[in-house]
Amino acid sequence: MDQLAHAGLLIAGVVLTLFGLLAARQTASFRSRAGAAVGRVTGLHDFVANDSAVTGPIVDFETADGKSVRFASRTGSNPSAFRVGDTVRVLYDRDQPEEAKVDSFVSLWLGPVLFTALGAACLVAGVAIVLA
């Protein structure tokens, strides 16, 4: 590998790691200020994520002040991890309750963990190549 490729690997590692850590910080901040509720899966919606067809839950819940909210999760799988009638824990922005997420590892932490891990792997590989 030439010097440009080594530099590219190291830069990609830094960028991906920083992006993952920033996303983790935003998730932690959201969790610390979010309201919590128990929601019910009232439907399922199909969408495309990363060029794959997936299904996510449509969830109804009530905020602490009694407002009824429905949101379609932006996290899905194939096959669906949810069934109509399931109860789920929901975290929501108190100022914009429609900005809600199912309180699960996949919904909250998978993205930050993957970006951080990929970035760290690029950094380790880049450093190992430079030191070899």
C-alpha atoms as a PDB file:
ATOM      1  CA  MET A   1       0.000   0.000   0.000  1.00  0.00           C
ATOM      2  CA  ASP A   2       1.261   3.447  -0.762  1.00  0.00           C
ATOM      3  CA  GLN A   3       1.367   6.450   1.577  1.00  0.00           C
ATOM      4  CA  LEU A   4      -1.858   7.924   0.201  1.00  0.00           C
ATOM      5  CA  ALA A   5      -3.783   4.730   0.993  1.00  0.00           C
ATOM      6  CA  HIS A   6      -2.305   4.659   4.522  1.00  0.00           C
ATOM      7  CA  ALA A   7      -3.333   8.267   5.079  1.00  0.00           C
ATOM      8  CA  GLY A   8      -6.809   7.537   3.693  1.00  0.00           C
ATOM      9  CA  LEU A   9      -7.251   4.619   6.072  1.00  0.00           C
ATOM     10  CA  LEU A  10      -6.164   6.716   9.045  1.00  0.00           C
ATOM     11  CA  ILE A  11      -8.377   9.658   8.035  1.00  0.00           C
ATOM     12  CA  ALA A  12     -11.367   7.359   7.510  1.00  0.00           C
ATOM     13  CA  GLY A  13     -10.708   5.861  10.933  1.00  0.00           C
ATOM     14  CA  VAL A  14     -10.628   9.248  12.612  1.00  0.00           C
ATOM     15  CA  VAL A  15     -13.757  10.505  10.810  1.00  0.00           C
ATOM     16  CA  LEU A  16     -15.797   7.343  11.438  1.00  0.00           C
ATOM     17  CA  THR A  17     -14.723   7.147  15.080  1.00  0.00           C
ATOM     18  CA  LEU A  18     -15.563  10.804  15.699  1.00  0.00           C
ATOM     19  CA  PHE A  19     -18.906  10.419  13.934  1.00  0.00           C
ATOM     20  CA  GLY A  20     -19.735   7.356  16.054  1.00  0.00           C
ATOM     21  CA  LEU A  21     -18.728   9.082  19.281  1.00  0.00           C
ATOM     22  CA  LEU A  22     -20.761  12.175  18.375  1.00  0.00           C
ATOM     23  CA  ALA A  23     -23.789   9.995  17.609  1.00  0.00           C
ATOM     24  CA  ALA A  24     -23.334   8.195  20.939  1.00  0.00           C
ATOM     25  CA  ARG A  25     -23.171  11.533  22.743  1.00  0.00           C
ATOM     26  CA  GLN A  26     -26.363  12.699  21.021  1.00  0.00           C
ATOM     27  CA  THR A  27     -28.109   9.448  21.947  1.00  0.00           C
ATOM     28  CA  ALA A  28     -27.012   9.752  25.579  1.00  0.00           C
ATOM     29  CA  SER A  29     -28.193  13.373  25.645  1.00  0.00           C
ATOM     30  CA  PHE A  30     -31.555  12.399  24.139  1.00  0.00           C
ATOM     31  CA  ARG A  31     -31.990   9.620  26.726  1.00  0.00           C
ATOM     32  CA  SER A  32     -31.185  11.970  29.610  1.00  0.00           C
ATOM     33  CA  ARG A  33     -33.806  14.569  28.654  1.00  0.00           C
ATOM     34  CA  ALA A  34     -36.437  12.307  27.073  1.00  0.00           C
ATOM     35  CA  GLY A  35     -39.824  11.506  28.450  1.00  0.00           C
ATOM     36  CA  ALA A  36     -40.668   7.826  28.768  1.00  0.00           C
ATOM     37  CA  ALA A  37     -43.916   6.025  28.098  1.00  0.00           C
ATOM     38  CA  VAL A  38     -45.293   2.622  27.313  1.00  0.00           C
ATOM     39  CA  GLY A  39     -46.543   2.388  23.754  1.00  0.00           C
ATOM     40  CA  ARG A  40     -48.493  -0.131  21.738  1.00  0.00           C
ATOM     41  CA  VAL A  41     -47.621  -1.290  18.239  1.00  0.00           C
ATOM     42  CA  THR A  42     -50.730  -0.438  16.213  1.00  0.00           C
ATOM     43  CA  GLY A  43     -49.377  -1.194  12.760  1.00  0.00           C
ATOM     44  CA  LEU A  44     -46.340  -1.967  10.670  1.00  0.00           C
ATOM     45  CA  HIS A  45     -44.820   0.017   7.814  1.00  0.00           C
ATOM     46  CA  ASP A  46     -42.459  -1.085   5.083  1.00  0.00           C
ATOM     47  CA  PHE A  47     -39.537   1.045   3.961  1.00  0.00           C
ATOM     48  CA  VAL A  48     -36.098   0.737   2.408  1.00  0.00           C
ATOM     49  CA  ALA A  49     -32.968   1.005   4.544  1.00  0.00           C
ATOM     50  CA  ASN A  50     -29.507   0.403   3.109  1.00  0.00           C
ATOM     51  CA  ASP A  51     -31.029  -0.952  -0.108  1.00  0.00           C
ATOM     52  CA  SER A  52     -33.039  -3.568   1.806  1.00  0.00           C
ATOM     53  CA  ALA A  53     -36.778  -3.777   2.367  1.00  0.00           C
ATOM     54  CA  VAL A  54     -37.507  -3.696   6.092  1.00  0.00           C
ATOM     55  CA  THR A  55     -40.553  -3.400   8.324  1.00  0.00           C
ATOM     56  CA  GLY A  56     -40.808  -1.112  11.326  1.00  0.00           C
ATOM     57  CA  PRO A  57     -43.470  -0.563  13.949  1.00  0.00           C
ATOM     58  CA  ILE A  58     -46.066   2.187  14.070  1.00  0.00           C
ATOM     59  CA  VAL A  59     -46.447   3.006  17.755  1.00  0.00           C
ATOM     60  CA  ASP A  60     -49.144   4.868  19.695  1.00  0.00           C
ATOM     61  CA  PHE A  61     -48.375   6.253  23.139  1.00  0.00           C
ATOM     62  CA  GLU A  62     -49.489   8.951  25.546  1.00  0.00           C
ATOM     63  CA  THR A  63     -47.157  11.636  26.893  1.00  0.00           C
ATOM     64  CA  ALA A  64     -46.962  12.501  30.588  1.00  0.00           C
ATOM     65  CA  ASP A  65     -49.327  15.440  29.987  1.00  0.00           C
ATOM     66  CA  GLY A  66     -51.901  13.219  28.250  1.00  0.00           C
ATOM     67  CA  LYS A  67     -51.212  14.001  24.579  1.00  0.00           C
ATOM     68  CA  SER A  68     -51.820  11.044  22.241  1.00  0.00           C
ATOM     69  CA  VAL A  69     -48.981  10.508  19.788  1.00  0.00           C
ATOM     70  CA  ARG A  70     -48.400   8.125  16.893  1.00  0.00           C
ATOM     71  CA  PHE A  71     -45.008   7.661  15.256  1.00  0.00           C
ATOM     72  CA  ALA A  72     -43.495   5.360  12.667  1.00  0.00           C
ATOM     73  CA  SER A  73     -40.144   4.030  13.807  1.00  0.00           C
ATOM     74  CA  ARG A  74     -37.215   4.633  11.462  1.00  0.00           C
ATOM     75  CA  THR A  75     -35.663   1.384  12.637  1.00  0.00           C
ATOM     76  CA  GLY A  76     -36.812  -1.849  11.059  1.00  0.00           C
ATOM     77  CA  SER A  77     -35.861  -5.398  10.220  1.00  0.00           C
ATOM     78  CA  ASN A  78     -36.832  -8.239   7.931  1.00  0.00           C
ATOM     79  CA  PRO A  79     -38.708 -10.062   9.235  1.00  0.00           C
ATOM     80  CA  SER A  80     -40.208  -7.536  11.617  1.00  0.00           C
ATOM     81  CA  ALA A  81     -39.148  -7.745  15.243  1.00  0.00           C
ATOM     82  CA  PHE A  82     -42.594  -6.436  16.240  1.00  0.00           C
ATOM     83  CA  ARG A  83     -46.176  -7.582  15.993  1.00  0.00           C
ATOM     84  CA  VAL A  84     -49.334  -5.515  16.145  1.00  0.00           C
ATOM     85  CA  GLY A  85     -50.418  -5.446  19.788  1.00  0.00           C
ATOM     86  CA  ASP A  86     -46.893  -5.587  21.252  1.00  0.00           C
ATOM     87  CA  THR A  87     -46.142  -3.149  24.040  1.00  0.00           C
ATOM     88  CA  VAL A  88     -42.870  -1.255  23.826  1.00  0.00           C
ATOM     89  CA  ARG A  89     -41.063   1.293  25.931  1.00  0.00           C
ATOM     90  CA  VAL A  90     -40.877   4.639  24.138  1.00  0.00           C
ATOM     91  CA  LEU A  91     -38.548   7.600  24.655  1.00  0.00           C
ATOM     92  CA  TYR A  92     -39.746  10.923  23.280  1.00  0.00           C
ATOM     93  CA  ASP A  93     -38.641  14.541  23.015  1.00  0.00           C
ATOM     94  CA  ARG A  94     -40.780  16.421  25.550  1.00  0.00           C
ATOM     95  CA  ASP A  95     -40.994  19.480  23.250  1.00  0.00           C
ATOM     96  CA  GLN A  96     -41.685  17.448  20.098  1.00  0.00           C
ATOM     97  CA  PRO A  97     -43.206  14.132  21.207  1.00  0.00           C
ATOM     98  CA  GLU A  98     -43.531  12.989  17.590  1.00  0.00           C
ATOM     99  CA  GLU A  99     -39.726  12.716  17.708  1.00  0.00           C
ATOM    100  CA  ALA A 100     -39.913   9.407  19.521  1.00  0.00           C
ATOM    101  CA  LYS A 101     -37.955   6.192  19.421  1.00  0.00           C
ATOM    102  CA  VAL A 102     -38.527   2.672  20.642  1.00  0.00           C
ATOM    103  CA  ASP A 103     -36.243   2.255  23.652  1.00  0.00           C
ATOM    104  CA  SER A 104     -34.075  -0.568  22.322  1.00  0.00           C
ATOM    105  CA  PHE A 105     -30.403  -1.149  21.637  1.00  0.00           C
ATOM    106  CA  VAL A 106     -30.970  -1.340  17.883  1.00  0.00           C
ATOM    107  CA  SER A 107     -33.015   1.855  17.734  1.00  0.00           C
ATOM    108  CA  LEU A 108     -30.725   3.915  19.953  1.00  0.00           C
ATOM    109  CA  TRP A 109     -27.221   2.501  19.974  1.00  0.00           C
ATOM    110  CA  LEU A 110     -26.585   0.281  16.935  1.00  0.00           C
ATOM    111  CA  GLY A 111     -25.575   3.143  14.638  1.00  0.00           C
ATOM    112  CA  PRO A 112     -23.149   4.797  17.070  1.00  0.00           C
ATOM    113  CA  VAL A 113     -21.600   1.446  18.007  1.00  0.00           C
ATOM    114  CA  LEU A 114     -21.120   0.371  14.374  1.00  0.00           C
ATOM    115  CA  PHE A 115     -19.558   3.673  13.283  1.00  0.00           C
ATOM    116  CA  THR A 116     -17.254   3.764  16.310  1.00  0.00           C
ATOM    117  CA  ALA A 117     -16.189   0.133  15.854  1.00  0.00           C
ATOM    118  CA  LEU A 118     -15.580   0.552  12.115  1.00  0.00           C
ATOM    119  CA  GLY A 119     -13.606   3.724  12.739  1.00  0.00           C
ATOM    120  CA  ALA A 120     -11.540   2.087  15.456  1.00  0.00           C
ATOM    121  CA  ALA A 121     -10.834  -0.878  13.158  1.00  0.00           C
ATOM    122  CA  CYS A 122      -9.632   1.481  10.408  1.00  0.00           C
ATOM    123  CA  LEU A 123      -7.421   3.322  12.893  1.00  0.00           C
ATOM    124  CA  VAL A 124      -5.906   0.115  14.250  1.00  0.00           C
ATOM    125  CA  ALA A 125      -5.296  -1.226  10.733  1.00  0.00           C
ATOM    126  CA  GLY A 126      -3.791   2.058   9.594  1.00  0.00           C
ATOM    127  CA  VAL A 127      -1.484   2.314  12.581  1.00  0.00           C
ATOM    128  CA  ALA A 128      -0.465  -1.340  12.260  1.00  0.00           C
ATOM    129  CA  ILE A 129       0.421  -0.860   8.591  1.00  0.00           C
ATOM    130  CA  VAL A 130       2.425   2.277   9.330  1.00  0.00           C
ATOM    131  CA  LEU A 131       4.323   0.577  12.160  1.00  0.00           C
ATOM    132  CA  ALA A 132       4.998  -2.618  10.172  1.00  0.00           C
END
